[in-house]
Amino acid sequence: MKRVSHYIEDESYESQSTAGRYHPGRVTTWTVRGKKITVPIGAGRGDDVEMFRDGDWVYVVVVRYSLGYAGLEVFEYQTGEPRGEIFLQVDYQVEEILGRNWEQKSLRWIAKVLSNYVE
């Protein structure tokens, strides 16, 4: 997995409303051959977010260590079409999949492990 250059910003109210999302949303944007790809992601302002690419897929890993959750969203690199996601928010879920010391692992490591569970 290689890190992808991207940026994250708040989703516009118009976009949230059109999609039926009535909570503060975030979007991430990356560029493919001069074309900007923007997708909504399940990340809050206080989350740690990183993006990686492996072949045709982009992996957006989101963690919030203070609240004990981790998630991964997978998109098609060229189009931004969603492939799947996984979100762990309960201690036993996180520890079962990522182990007891998951907070000490890199975001790349977390993305690799979670990618095996994406549906």
PDB file of N, CA and C in Angstrom:
ATOM      1  N   MET A   1       0.842  -1.187   0.000  1.00  0.00           N
ATOM      2  CA  MET A   1       0.000   0.000   0.000  1.00  0.00           C
ATOM      3  C   MET A   1       0.882   1.243   0.000  1.00  0.00           C
ATOM      4  N   LYS A   2       0.543   2.162  -0.884  1.00  0.00           N
ATOM      5  CA  LYS A   2       1.275   3.418  -0.959  1.00  0.00           C
ATOM      6  C   LYS A   2       0.359   4.560  -0.547  1.00  0.00           C
ATOM      7  N   ARG A   3       0.916   5.520   0.168  1.00  0.00           N
ATOM      8  CA  ARG A   3       0.147   6.677   0.605  1.00  0.00           C
ATOM      9  C   ARG A   3      -0.307   7.488  -0.612  1.00  0.00           C
ATOM     10  N   VAL A   4      -1.530   7.996  -0.550  1.00  0.00           N
ATOM     11  CA  VAL A   4      -2.101   8.808  -1.622  1.00  0.00           C
ATOM     12  C   VAL A   4      -2.208  10.238  -1.135  1.00  0.00           C
ATOM     13  N   SER A   5      -1.758  11.165  -1.962  1.00  0.00           N
ATOM     14  CA  SER A   5      -1.909  12.582  -1.644  1.00  0.00           C
ATOM     15  C   SER A   5      -3.383  12.955  -1.785  1.00  0.00           C
ATOM     16  N   HIS A   6      -3.944  13.541  -0.740  1.00  0.00           N
ATOM     17  CA  HIS A   6      -5.355  13.913  -0.740  1.00  0.00           C
ATOM     18  C   HIS A   6      -5.572  15.044   0.250  1.00  0.00           C
ATOM     19  N   TYR A   7      -6.737  15.609   0.237  1.00  0.00           N
ATOM     20  CA  TYR A   7      -7.110  16.567   1.279  1.00  0.00           C
ATOM     21  C   TYR A   7      -8.532  16.296   1.722  1.00  0.00           C
ATOM     22  N   ILE A   8      -8.817  16.734   2.949  1.00  0.00           N
ATOM     23  CA  ILE A   8     -10.119  16.494   3.571  1.00  0.00           C
ATOM     24  C   ILE A   8     -10.729  17.846   3.922  1.00  0.00           C
ATOM     25  N   GLU A   9     -12.021  17.952   3.693  1.00  0.00           N
ATOM     26  CA  GLU A   9     -12.731  19.174   4.055  1.00  0.00           C
ATOM     27  C   GLU A   9     -14.163  18.827   4.441  1.00  0.00           C
ATOM     28  N   ASP A  10     -14.869  19.815   4.976  1.00  0.00           N
ATOM     29  CA  ASP A  10     -16.276  19.611   5.322  1.00  0.00           C
ATOM     30  C   ASP A  10     -17.096  19.464   4.049  1.00  0.00           C
ATOM     31  N   GLU A  11     -18.059  18.557   4.095  1.00  0.00           N
ATOM     32  CA  GLU A  11     -18.986  18.403   2.981  1.00  0.00           C
ATOM     33  C   GLU A  11     -19.962  19.578   3.000  1.00  0.00           C
ATOM     34  N   SER A  12     -20.337  20.068   1.837  1.00  0.00           N
ATOM     35  CA  SER A  12     -21.269  21.194   1.777  1.00  0.00           C
ATOM     36  C   SER A  12     -22.643  20.770   2.292  1.00  0.00           C
ATOM     37  N   TYR A  13     -23.365  21.724   2.831  1.00  0.00           N
ATOM     38  CA  TYR A  13     -24.712  21.435   3.325  1.00  0.00           C
ATOM     39  C   TYR A  13     -25.602  20.938   2.183  1.00  0.00           C
ATOM     40  N   GLU A  14     -25.467  21.540   1.012  1.00  0.00           N
ATOM     41  CA  GLU A  14     -26.273  21.142  -0.134  1.00  0.00           C
ATOM     42  C   GLU A  14     -26.034  19.670  -0.486  1.00  0.00           C
ATOM     43  N   SER A  15     -24.777  19.258  -0.496  1.00  0.00           N
ATOM     44  CA  SER A  15     -24.436  17.874  -0.815  1.00  0.00           C
ATOM     45  C   SER A  15     -24.979  16.921   0.250  1.00  0.00           C
ATOM     46  N   GLN A  16     -24.840  17.305   1.520  1.00  0.00           N
ATOM     47  CA  GLN A  16     -25.356  16.472   2.612  1.00  0.00           C
ATOM     48  C   GLN A  16     -26.867  16.331   2.498  1.00  0.00           C
ATOM     49  N   SER A  17     -27.546  17.428   2.276  1.00  0.00           N
ATOM     50  CA  SER A  17     -29.001  17.431   2.203  1.00  0.00           C
ATOM     51  C   SER A  17     -29.501  16.597   1.022  1.00  0.00           C
ATOM     52  N   THR A  18     -28.872  16.748  -0.125  1.00  0.00           N
ATOM     53  CA  THR A  18     -29.255  15.988  -1.318  1.00  0.00           C
ATOM     54  C   THR A  18     -29.114  14.487  -1.085  1.00  0.00           C
ATOM     55  N   ALA A  19     -28.061  14.096  -0.364  1.00  0.00           N
ATOM     56  CA  ALA A  19     -27.800  12.679  -0.104  1.00  0.00           C
ATOM     57  C   ALA A  19     -28.572  12.150   1.101  1.00  0.00           C
ATOM     58  N   GLY A  20     -29.275  13.040   1.820  1.00  0.00           N
ATOM     59  CA  GLY A  20     -30.042  12.606   2.982  1.00  0.00           C
ATOM     60  C   GLY A  20     -29.203  12.421   4.230  1.00  0.00           C
ATOM     61  N   ARG A  21     -28.056  13.086   4.266  1.00  0.00           N
ATOM     62  CA  ARG A  21     -27.197  13.026   5.452  1.00  0.00           C
ATOM     63  C   ARG A  21     -27.351  14.343   6.208  1.00  0.00           C
ATOM     64  N   TYR A  22     -27.849  14.260   7.442  1.00  0.00           N
ATOM     65  CA  TYR A  22     -28.106  15.482   8.206  1.00  0.00           C
ATOM     66  C   TYR A  22     -27.205  15.575   9.424  1.00  0.00           C
ATOM     67  N   HIS A  23     -25.959  15.274   9.230  1.00  0.00           N
ATOM     68  CA  HIS A  23     -24.942  15.424  10.267  1.00  0.00           C
ATOM     69  C   HIS A  23     -23.709  16.025   9.594  1.00  0.00           C
ATOM     70  N   PRO A  24     -22.845  16.662  10.353  1.00  0.00           N
ATOM     71  CA  PRO A  24     -21.654  17.242   9.730  1.00  0.00           C
ATOM     72  C   PRO A  24     -20.839  16.157   9.031  1.00  0.00           C
ATOM     73  N   GLY A  25     -20.658  16.290   7.752  1.00  0.00           N
ATOM     74  CA  GLY A  25     -19.931  15.294   6.978  1.00  0.00           C
ATOM     75  C   GLY A  25     -18.582  15.808   6.509  1.00  0.00           C
ATOM     76  N   ARG A  26     -17.748  14.871   6.105  1.00  0.00           N
ATOM     77  CA  ARG A  26     -16.419  15.191   5.575  1.00  0.00           C
ATOM     78  C   ARG A  26     -16.299  14.542   4.206  1.00  0.00           C
ATOM     79  N   VAL A  27     -15.489  15.131   3.360  1.00  0.00           N
ATOM     80  CA  VAL A  27     -15.177  14.546   2.058  1.00  0.00           C
ATOM     81  C   VAL A  27     -13.671  14.529   1.891  1.00  0.00           C
ATOM     82  N   THR A  28     -13.193  13.591   1.086  1.00  0.00           N
ATOM     83  CA  THR A  28     -11.785  13.568   0.728  1.00  0.00           C
ATOM     84  C   THR A  28     -11.676  13.660  -0.776  1.00  0.00           C
ATOM     85  N   THR A  29     -10.611  14.297  -1.232  1.00  0.00           N
ATOM     86  CA  THR A  29     -10.407  14.517  -2.656  1.00  0.00           C
ATOM     87  C   THR A  29      -8.999  14.104  -3.042  1.00  0.00           C
ATOM     88  N   TRP A  30      -8.892  13.361  -4.139  1.00  0.00           N
ATOM     89  CA  TRP A  30      -7.592  13.034  -4.721  1.00  0.00           C
ATOM     90  C   TRP A  30      -7.686  13.282  -6.220  1.00  0.00           C
ATOM     91  N   THR A  31      -6.547  13.285  -6.890  1.00  0.00           N
ATOM     92  CA  THR A  31      -6.498  13.594  -8.312  1.00  0.00           C
ATOM     93  C   THR A  31      -5.983  12.402  -9.105  1.00  0.00           C
ATOM     94  N   VAL A  32      -6.691  12.082 -10.192  1.00  0.00           N
ATOM     95  CA  VAL A  32      -6.294  11.014 -11.109  1.00  0.00           C
ATOM     96  C   VAL A  32      -6.210  11.616 -12.507  1.00  0.00           C
ATOM     97  N   ARG A  33      -4.996  11.679 -13.049  1.00  0.00           N
ATOM     98  CA  ARG A  33      -4.778  12.218 -14.397  1.00  0.00           C
ATOM     99  C   ARG A  33      -5.437  13.578 -14.579  1.00  0.00           C
ATOM    100  N   GLY A  34      -5.266  14.464 -13.621  1.00  0.00           N
ATOM    101  CA  GLY A  34      -5.798  15.818 -13.700  1.00  0.00           C
ATOM    102  C   GLY A  34      -7.260  15.956 -13.319  1.00  0.00           C
ATOM    103  N   LYS A  35      -7.939  14.843 -13.037  1.00  0.00           N
ATOM    104  CA  LYS A  35      -9.348  14.886 -12.660  1.00  0.00           C
ATOM    105  C   LYS A  35      -9.469  14.702 -11.152  1.00  0.00           C
ATOM    106  N   LYS A  36     -10.192  15.622 -10.509  1.00  0.00           N
ATOM    107  CA  LYS A  36     -10.406  15.516  -9.072  1.00  0.00           C
ATOM    108  C   LYS A  36     -11.536  14.536  -8.777  1.00  0.00           C
ATOM    109  N   ILE A  37     -11.259  13.626  -7.841  1.00  0.00           N
ATOM    110  CA  ILE A  37     -12.253  12.659  -7.378  1.00  0.00           C
ATOM    111  C   ILE A  37     -12.571  13.028  -5.933  1.00  0.00           C
ATOM    112  N   THR A  38     -13.839  13.319  -5.641  1.00  0.00           N
ATOM    113  CA  THR A  38     -14.264  13.694  -4.292  1.00  0.00           C
ATOM    114  C   THR A  38     -15.340  12.728  -3.824  1.00  0.00           C
ATOM    115  N   VAL A  39     -15.147  12.173  -2.634  1.00  0.00           N
ATOM    116  CA  VAL A  39     -16.112  11.224  -2.073  1.00  0.00           C
ATOM    117  C   VAL A  39     -16.385  11.562  -0.617  1.00  0.00           C
ATOM    118  N   PRO A  40     -17.631  11.360  -0.165  1.00  0.00           N
ATOM    119  CA  PRO A  40     -17.920  11.532   1.269  1.00  0.00           C
ATOM    120  C   PRO A  40     -17.300  10.375   2.051  1.00  0.00           C
ATOM    121  N   ILE A  41     -16.792  10.687   3.231  1.00  0.00           N
ATOM    122  CA  ILE A  41     -16.207   9.656   4.087  1.00  0.00           C
ATOM    123  C   ILE A  41     -16.801   9.739   5.488  1.00  0.00           C
ATOM    124  N   GLY A  42     -16.739   8.630   6.193  1.00  0.00           N
ATOM    125  CA  GLY A  42     -17.264   8.558   7.552  1.00  0.00           C
ATOM    126  C   GLY A  42     -16.212   8.960   8.560  1.00  0.00           C
ATOM    127  N   ALA A  43     -15.831  10.209   8.541  1.00  0.00           N
ATOM    128  CA  ALA A  43     -14.804  10.704   9.456  1.00  0.00           C
ATOM    129  C   ALA A  43     -15.258  12.010  10.078  1.00  0.00           C
ATOM    130  N   GLY A  44     -14.937  12.170  11.346  1.00  0.00           N
ATOM    131  CA  GLY A  44     -15.225  13.415  12.034  1.00  0.00           C
ATOM    132  C   GLY A  44     -14.003  14.306  12.066  1.00  0.00           C
ATOM    133  N   ARG A  45     -14.186  15.499  12.546  1.00  0.00           N
ATOM    134  CA  ARG A  45     -13.086  16.471  12.568  1.00  0.00           C
ATOM    135  C   ARG A  45     -11.931  16.050  13.467  1.00  0.00           C
ATOM    136  N   GLY A  46     -12.194  15.293  14.497  1.00  0.00           N
ATOM    137  CA  GLY A  46     -11.128  14.898  15.418  1.00  0.00           C
ATOM    138  C   GLY A  46     -10.487  13.565  15.088  1.00  0.00           C
ATOM    139  N   ASP A  47     -10.901  12.932  13.995  1.00  0.00           N
ATOM    140  CA  ASP A  47     -10.371  11.620  13.633  1.00  0.00           C
ATOM    141  C   ASP A  47      -9.020  11.740  12.932  1.00  0.00           C
ATOM    142  N   ASP A  48      -8.209  10.709  13.097  1.00  0.00           N
ATOM    143  CA  ASP A  48      -6.996  10.571  12.296  1.00  0.00           C
ATOM    144  C   ASP A  48      -7.396   9.858  11.018  1.00  0.00           C
ATOM    145  N   VAL A  49      -7.043  10.435   9.882  1.00  0.00           N
ATOM    146  CA  VAL A  49      -7.429   9.887   8.583  1.00  0.00           C
ATOM    147  C   VAL A  49      -6.199   9.797   7.695  1.00  0.00           C
ATOM    148  N   GLU A  50      -6.075   8.685   6.995  1.00  0.00           N
ATOM    149  CA  GLU A  50      -5.014   8.542   6.011  1.00  0.00           C
ATOM    150  C   GLU A  50      -5.555   7.732   4.843  1.00  0.00           C
ATOM    151  N   MET A  51      -4.952   7.931   3.679  1.00  0.00           N
ATOM    152  CA  MET A  51      -5.403   7.253   2.476  1.00  0.00           C
ATOM    153  C   MET A  51      -4.232   6.519   1.837  1.00  0.00           C
ATOM    154  N   PHE A  52      -4.517   5.280   1.406  1.00  0.00           N
ATOM    155  CA  PHE A  52      -3.511   4.451   0.751  1.00  0.00           C
ATOM    156  C   PHE A  52      -4.102   3.863  -0.527  1.00  0.00           C
ATOM    157  N   ARG A  53      -3.207   3.530  -1.454  1.00  0.00           N
ATOM    158  CA  ARG A  53      -3.639   2.892  -2.703  1.00  0.00           C
ATOM    159  C   ARG A  53      -2.927   1.561  -2.855  1.00  0.00           C
ATOM    160  N   ASP A  54      -3.688   0.581  -3.336  1.00  0.00           N
ATOM    161  CA  ASP A  54      -3.129  -0.720  -3.672  1.00  0.00           C
ATOM    162  C   ASP A  54      -3.852  -1.180  -4.935  1.00  0.00           C
ATOM    163  N   GLY A  55      -3.174  -1.106  -6.073  1.00  0.00           N
ATOM    164  CA  GLY A  55      -3.791  -1.477  -7.340  1.00  0.00           C
ATOM    165  C   GLY A  55      -4.910  -0.527  -7.712  1.00  0.00           C
ATOM    166  N   ASP A  56      -6.089  -1.079  -7.957  1.00  0.00           N
ATOM    167  CA  ASP A  56      -7.245  -0.284  -8.390  1.00  0.00           C
ATOM    168  C   ASP A  56      -8.028   0.327  -7.238  1.00  0.00           C
ATOM    169  N   TRP A  57      -7.596   0.099  -6.006  1.00  0.00           N
ATOM    170  CA  TRP A  57      -8.394   0.493  -4.851  1.00  0.00           C
ATOM    171  C   TRP A  57      -7.706   1.545  -3.992  1.00  0.00           C
ATOM    172  N   VAL A  58      -8.521   2.430  -3.428  1.00  0.00           N
ATOM    173  CA  VAL A  58      -8.075   3.430  -2.461  1.00  0.00           C
ATOM    174  C   VAL A  58      -8.671   3.043  -1.119  1.00  0.00           C
ATOM    175  N   TYR A  59      -7.837   3.053  -0.093  1.00  0.00           N
ATOM    176  CA  TYR A  59      -8.246   2.678   1.258  1.00  0.00           C
ATOM    177  C   TYR A  59      -8.178   3.907   2.154  1.00  0.00           C
ATOM    178  N   VAL A  60      -9.303   4.298   2.723  1.00  0.00           N
ATOM    179  CA  VAL A  60      -9.355   5.429   3.645  1.00  0.00           C
ATOM    180  C   VAL A  60      -9.528   4.862   5.043  1.00  0.00           C
ATOM    181  N   VAL A  61      -8.490   4.995   5.847  1.00  0.00           N
ATOM    182  CA  VAL A  61      -8.537   4.474   7.217  1.00  0.00           C
ATOM    183  C   VAL A  61      -8.809   5.643   8.159  1.00  0.00           C
ATOM    184  N   VAL A  62      -9.723   5.412   9.093  1.00  0.00           N
ATOM    185  CA  VAL A  62     -10.146   6.430  10.049  1.00  0.00           C
ATOM    186  C   VAL A  62     -10.057   5.830  11.447  1.00  0.00           C
ATOM    187  N   VAL A  63      -9.358   6.523  12.348  1.00  0.00           N
ATOM    188  CA  VAL A  63      -9.300   6.059  13.733  1.00  0.00           C
ATOM    189  C   VAL A  63      -9.503   7.240  14.673  1.00  0.00           C
ATOM    190  N   ARG A  64     -10.028   6.927  15.829  1.00  0.00           N
ATOM    191  CA  ARG A  64     -10.147   7.899  16.915  1.00  0.00           C
ATOM    192  C   ARG A  64      -9.712   7.153  18.158  1.00  0.00           C
ATOM    193  N   TYR A  65      -8.436   7.308  18.496  1.00  0.00           N
ATOM    194  CA  TYR A  65      -7.864   6.554  19.604  1.00  0.00           C
ATOM    195  C   TYR A  65      -8.564   6.855  20.925  1.00  0.00           C
ATOM    196  N   SER A  66      -8.917   8.118  21.155  1.00  0.00           N
ATOM    197  CA  SER A  66      -9.527   8.489  22.427  1.00  0.00           C
ATOM    198  C   SER A  66     -10.910   7.868  22.619  1.00  0.00           C
ATOM    199  N   LEU A  67     -11.595   7.546  21.542  1.00  0.00           N
ATOM    200  CA  LEU A  67     -12.912   6.925  21.630  1.00  0.00           C
ATOM    201  C   LEU A  67     -12.874   5.441  21.289  1.00  0.00           C
ATOM    202  N   GLY A  68     -11.702   4.942  20.898  1.00  0.00           N
ATOM    203  CA  GLY A  68     -11.522   3.510  20.680  1.00  0.00           C
ATOM    204  C   GLY A  68     -12.199   2.942  19.454  1.00  0.00           C
ATOM    205  N   TYR A  69     -12.261   3.708  18.359  1.00  0.00           N
ATOM    206  CA  TYR A  69     -12.847   3.129  17.156  1.00  0.00           C
ATOM    207  C   TYR A  69     -11.908   3.231  15.961  1.00  0.00           C
ATOM    208  N   ALA A  70     -12.166   2.360  14.996  1.00  0.00           N
ATOM    209  CA  ALA A  70     -11.383   2.324  13.760  1.00  0.00           C
ATOM    210  C   ALA A  70     -12.280   1.885  12.623  1.00  0.00           C
ATOM    211  N   GLY A  71     -12.028   2.424  11.447  1.00  0.00           N
ATOM    212  CA  GLY A  71     -12.816   2.050  10.285  1.00  0.00           C
ATOM    213  C   GLY A  71     -12.001   2.143   9.013  1.00  0.00           C
ATOM    214  N   LEU A  72     -12.525   1.518   7.975  1.00  0.00           N
ATOM    215  CA  LEU A  72     -11.876   1.536   6.675  1.00  0.00           C
ATOM    216  C   LEU A  72     -12.951   1.595   5.600  1.00  0.00           C
ATOM    217  N   GLU A  73     -12.773   2.506   4.661  1.00  0.00           N
ATOM    218  CA  GLU A  73     -13.645   2.596   3.499  1.00  0.00           C
ATOM    219  C   GLU A  73     -12.781   2.361   2.267  1.00  0.00           C
ATOM    220  N   VAL A  74     -13.319   1.619   1.302  1.00  0.00           N
ATOM    221  CA  VAL A  74     -12.572   1.292   0.096  1.00  0.00           C
ATOM    222  C   VAL A  74     -13.323   1.837  -1.118  1.00  0.00           C
ATOM    223  N   PHE A  75     -12.568   2.522  -1.987  1.00  0.00           N
ATOM    224  CA  PHE A  75     -13.133   3.120  -3.192  1.00  0.00           C
ATOM    225  C   PHE A  75     -12.308   2.708  -4.401  1.00  0.00           C
ATOM    226  N   GLU A  76     -12.944   2.713  -5.572  1.00  0.00           N
ATOM    227  CA  GLU A  76     -12.224   2.478  -6.815  1.00  0.00           C
ATOM    228  C   GLU A  76     -11.383   3.725  -7.098  1.00  0.00           C
ATOM    229  N   TYR A  77     -10.108   3.549  -7.348  1.00  0.00           N
ATOM    230  CA  TYR A  77      -9.175   4.670  -7.482  1.00  0.00           C
ATOM    231  C   TYR A  77      -9.551   5.624  -8.610  1.00  0.00           C
ATOM    232  N   GLN A  78      -9.892   5.110  -9.775  1.00  0.00           N
ATOM    233  CA  GLN A  78     -10.139   5.950 -10.953  1.00  0.00           C
ATOM    234  C   GLN A  78     -11.460   6.724 -10.883  1.00  0.00           C
ATOM    235  N   THR A  79     -12.467   6.151 -10.197  1.00  0.00           N
ATOM    236  CA  THR A  79     -13.813   6.737 -10.235  1.00  0.00           C
ATOM    237  C   THR A  79     -14.353   7.199  -8.886  1.00  0.00           C
ATOM    238  N   GLY A  80     -13.810   6.658  -7.801  1.00  0.00           N
ATOM    239  CA  GLY A  80     -14.342   6.969  -6.481  1.00  0.00           C
ATOM    240  C   GLY A  80     -15.555   6.142  -6.104  1.00  0.00           C
ATOM    241  N   GLU A  81     -15.922   5.169  -6.931  1.00  0.00           N
ATOM    242  CA  GLU A  81     -17.062   4.311  -6.606  1.00  0.00           C
ATOM    243  C   GLU A  81     -16.757   3.489  -5.356  1.00  0.00           C
ATOM    244  N   PRO A  82     -17.689   3.449  -4.400  1.00  0.00           N
ATOM    245  CA  PRO A  82     -17.439   2.682  -3.172  1.00  0.00           C
ATOM    246  C   PRO A  82     -17.418   1.182  -3.417  1.00  0.00           C
ATOM    247  N   ARG A  83     -16.497   0.497  -2.745  1.00  0.00           N
ATOM    248  CA  ARG A  83     -16.415  -0.961  -2.828  1.00  0.00           C
ATOM    249  C   ARG A  83     -16.967  -1.603  -1.562  1.00  0.00           C
ATOM    250  N   GLY A  84     -16.653  -1.015  -0.405  1.00  0.00           N
ATOM    251  CA  GLY A  84     -17.131  -1.566   0.855  1.00  0.00           C
ATOM    252  C   GLY A  84     -16.501  -0.848   2.027  1.00  0.00           C
ATOM    253  N   GLU A  85     -16.886  -1.272   3.220  1.00  0.00           N
ATOM    254  CA  GLU A  85     -16.376  -0.628   4.424  1.00  0.00           C
ATOM    255  C   GLU A  85     -16.502  -1.554   5.627  1.00  0.00           C
ATOM    256  N   ILE A  86     -15.768  -1.201   6.658  1.00  0.00           N
ATOM    257  CA  ILE A  86     -15.870  -1.876   7.951  1.00  0.00           C
ATOM    258  C   ILE A  86     -15.663  -0.802   9.012  1.00  0.00           C
ATOM    259  N   PHE A  87     -16.434  -0.911  10.099  1.00  0.00           N
ATOM    260  CA  PHE A  87     -16.307   0.046  11.200  1.00  0.00           C
ATOM    261  C   PHE A  87     -16.375  -0.715  12.510  1.00  0.00           C
ATOM    262  N   LEU A  88     -15.359  -0.551  13.333  1.00  0.00           N
ATOM    263  CA  LEU A  88     -15.284  -1.204  14.644  1.00  0.00           C
ATOM    264  C   LEU A  88     -15.391  -0.132  15.714  1.00  0.00           C
ATOM    265  N   GLN A  89     -16.375  -0.270  16.599  1.00  0.00           N
ATOM    266  CA  GLN A  89     -16.560   0.783  17.585  1.00  0.00           C
ATOM    267  C   GLN A  89     -16.673   0.288  19.022  1.00  0.00           C
ATOM    268  N   VAL A  90     -16.614  -0.997  19.228  1.00  0.00           N
ATOM    269  CA  VAL A  90     -16.698  -1.554  20.571  1.00  0.00           C
ATOM    270  C   VAL A  90     -15.361  -2.201  20.894  1.00  0.00           C
ATOM    271  N   ASP A  91     -14.900  -2.046  22.132  1.00  0.00           N
ATOM    272  CA  ASP A  91     -13.579  -2.544  22.514  1.00  0.00           C
ATOM    273  C   ASP A  91     -13.319  -3.972  22.067  1.00  0.00           C
ATOM    274  N   TYR A  92     -14.293  -4.865  22.307  1.00  0.00           N
ATOM    275  CA  TYR A  92     -14.039  -6.263  21.957  1.00  0.00           C
ATOM    276  C   TYR A  92     -13.919  -6.452  20.443  1.00  0.00           C
ATOM    277  N   GLN A  93     -14.653  -5.655  19.648  1.00  0.00           N
ATOM    278  CA  GLN A  93     -14.521  -5.746  18.194  1.00  0.00           C
ATOM    279  C   GLN A  93     -13.128  -5.317  17.746  1.00  0.00           C
ATOM    280  N   VAL A  94     -12.696  -4.182  18.260  1.00  0.00           N
ATOM    281  CA  VAL A  94     -11.396  -3.639  17.876  1.00  0.00           C
ATOM    282  C   VAL A  94     -10.280  -4.589  18.284  1.00  0.00           C
ATOM    283  N   GLU A  95     -10.318  -5.070  19.516  1.00  0.00           N
ATOM    284  CA  GLU A  95      -9.263  -5.957  20.001  1.00  0.00           C
ATOM    285  C   GLU A  95      -9.288  -7.316  19.308  1.00  0.00           C
ATOM    286  N   GLU A  96     -10.466  -7.806  18.967  1.00  0.00           N
ATOM    287  CA  GLU A  96     -10.563  -9.095  18.297  1.00  0.00           C
ATOM    288  C   GLU A  96      -9.878  -9.065  16.930  1.00  0.00           C
ATOM    289  N   ILE A  97     -10.033  -7.970  16.212  1.00  0.00           N
ATOM    290  CA  ILE A  97      -9.484  -7.889  14.861  1.00  0.00           C
ATOM    291  C   ILE A  97      -8.094  -7.246  14.842  1.00  0.00           C
ATOM    292  N   LEU A  98      -7.885  -6.192  15.613  1.00  0.00           N
ATOM    293  CA  LEU A  98      -6.621  -5.458  15.561  1.00  0.00           C
ATOM    294  C   LEU A  98      -5.660  -5.793  16.698  1.00  0.00           C
ATOM    295  N   GLY A  99      -6.142  -6.482  17.720  1.00  0.00           N
ATOM    296  CA  GLY A  99      -5.276  -6.832  18.839  1.00  0.00           C
ATOM    297  C   GLY A  99      -5.319  -5.811  19.959  1.00  0.00           C
ATOM    298  N   ARG A 100      -4.743  -6.190  21.096  1.00  0.00           N
ATOM    299  CA  ARG A 100      -4.801  -5.333  22.290  1.00  0.00           C
ATOM    300  C   ARG A 100      -4.047  -4.027  22.151  1.00  0.00           C
ATOM    301  N   ASN A 101      -2.935  -4.016  21.477  1.00  0.00           N
ATOM    302  CA  ASN A 101      -2.112  -2.803  21.367  1.00  0.00           C
ATOM    303  C   ASN A 101      -2.275  -2.122  20.016  1.00  0.00           C
ATOM    304  N   TRP A 102      -3.473  -2.126  19.484  1.00  0.00           N
ATOM    305  CA  TRP A 102      -3.712  -1.578  18.157  1.00  0.00           C
ATOM    306  C   TRP A 102      -3.368  -0.097  18.058  1.00  0.00           C
ATOM    307  N   GLU A 103      -3.468   0.618  19.165  1.00  0.00           N
ATOM    308  CA  GLU A 103      -3.171   2.055  19.151  1.00  0.00           C
ATOM    309  C   GLU A 103      -1.703   2.344  18.847  1.00  0.00           C
ATOM    310  N   GLN A 104      -0.855   1.344  19.024  1.00  0.00           N
ATOM    311  CA  GLN A 104       0.574   1.517  18.776  1.00  0.00           C
ATOM    312  C   GLN A 104       0.967   1.162  17.344  1.00  0.00           C
ATOM    313  N   LYS A 105       0.014   0.708  16.552  1.00  0.00           N
ATOM    314  CA  LYS A 105       0.281   0.317  15.171  1.00  0.00           C
ATOM    315  C   LYS A 105       0.096   1.512  14.233  1.00  0.00           C
ATOM    316  N   SER A 106       0.718   1.446  13.076  1.00  0.00           N
ATOM    317  CA  SER A 106       0.589   2.522  12.089  1.00  0.00           C
ATOM    318  C   SER A 106      -0.777   2.466  11.409  1.00  0.00           C
ATOM    319  N   LEU A 107      -1.180   3.580  10.839  1.00  0.00           N
ATOM    320  CA  LEU A 107      -2.440   3.605  10.095  1.00  0.00           C
ATOM    321  C   LEU A 107      -2.357   2.685   8.878  1.00  0.00           C
ATOM    322  N   ARG A 108      -1.192   2.556   8.279  1.00  0.00           N
ATOM    323  CA  ARG A 108      -1.017   1.641   7.151  1.00  0.00           C
ATOM    324  C   ARG A 108      -1.275   0.198   7.596  1.00  0.00           C
ATOM    325  N   TRP A 109      -0.738  -0.179   8.759  1.00  0.00           N
ATOM    326  CA  TRP A 109      -0.937  -1.530   9.286  1.00  0.00           C
ATOM    327  C   TRP A 109      -2.421  -1.779   9.558  1.00  0.00           C
ATOM    328  N   ILE A 110      -3.078  -0.796  10.166  1.00  0.00           N
ATOM    329  CA  ILE A 110      -4.509  -0.917  10.457  1.00  0.00           C
ATOM    330  C   ILE A 110      -5.294  -1.082   9.155  1.00  0.00           C
ATOM    331  N   ALA A 111      -4.951  -0.293   8.131  1.00  0.00           N
ATOM    332  CA  ALA A 111      -5.631  -0.398   6.841  1.00  0.00           C
ATOM    333  C   ALA A 111      -5.446  -1.779   6.231  1.00  0.00           C
ATOM    334  N   LYS A 112      -4.236  -2.313   6.292  1.00  0.00           N
ATOM    335  CA  LYS A 112      -3.977  -3.641   5.721  1.00  0.00           C
ATOM    336  C   LYS A 112      -4.801  -4.717   6.424  1.00  0.00           C
ATOM    337  N   VAL A 113      -4.849  -4.660   7.743  1.00  0.00           N
ATOM    338  CA  VAL A 113      -5.613  -5.672   8.488  1.00  0.00           C
ATOM    339  C   VAL A 113      -7.104  -5.539   8.193  1.00  0.00           C
ATOM    340  N   LEU A 114      -7.631  -4.336   8.281  1.00  0.00           N
ATOM    341  CA  LEU A 114      -9.066  -4.130   8.064  1.00  0.00           C
ATOM    342  C   LEU A 114      -9.487  -4.455   6.638  1.00  0.00           C
ATOM    343  N   SER A 115      -8.581  -4.302   5.677  1.00  0.00           N
ATOM    344  CA  SER A 115      -8.937  -4.577   4.279  1.00  0.00           C
ATOM    345  C   SER A 115      -9.356  -6.030   4.081  1.00  0.00           C
ATOM    346  N   ASN A 116      -8.912  -6.901   4.949  1.00  0.00           N
ATOM    347  CA  ASN A 116      -9.296  -8.317   4.869  1.00  0.00           C
ATOM    348  C   ASN A 116     -10.754  -8.558   5.299  1.00  0.00           C
ATOM    349  N   TYR A 117     -11.384  -7.553   5.911  1.00  0.00           N
ATOM    350  CA  TYR A 117     -12.735  -7.699   6.439  1.00  0.00           C
ATOM    351  C   TYR A 117     -13.771  -6.844   5.716  1.00  0.00           C
ATOM    352  N   VAL A 118     -13.357  -6.140   4.681  1.00  0.00           N
ATOM    353  CA  VAL A 118     -14.283  -5.268   3.966  1.00  0.00           C
ATOM    354  C   VAL A 118     -15.295  -6.109   3.205  1.00  0.00           C
ATOM    355  N   GLU A 119     -16.540  -5.740   3.353  1.00  0.00           N
ATOM    356  CA  GLU A 119     -17.624  -6.460   2.651  1.00  0.00           C
ATOM    357  C   GLU A 119     -18.141  -5.646   1.508  1.00  0.00           C
TER     358      GLU A 119
END
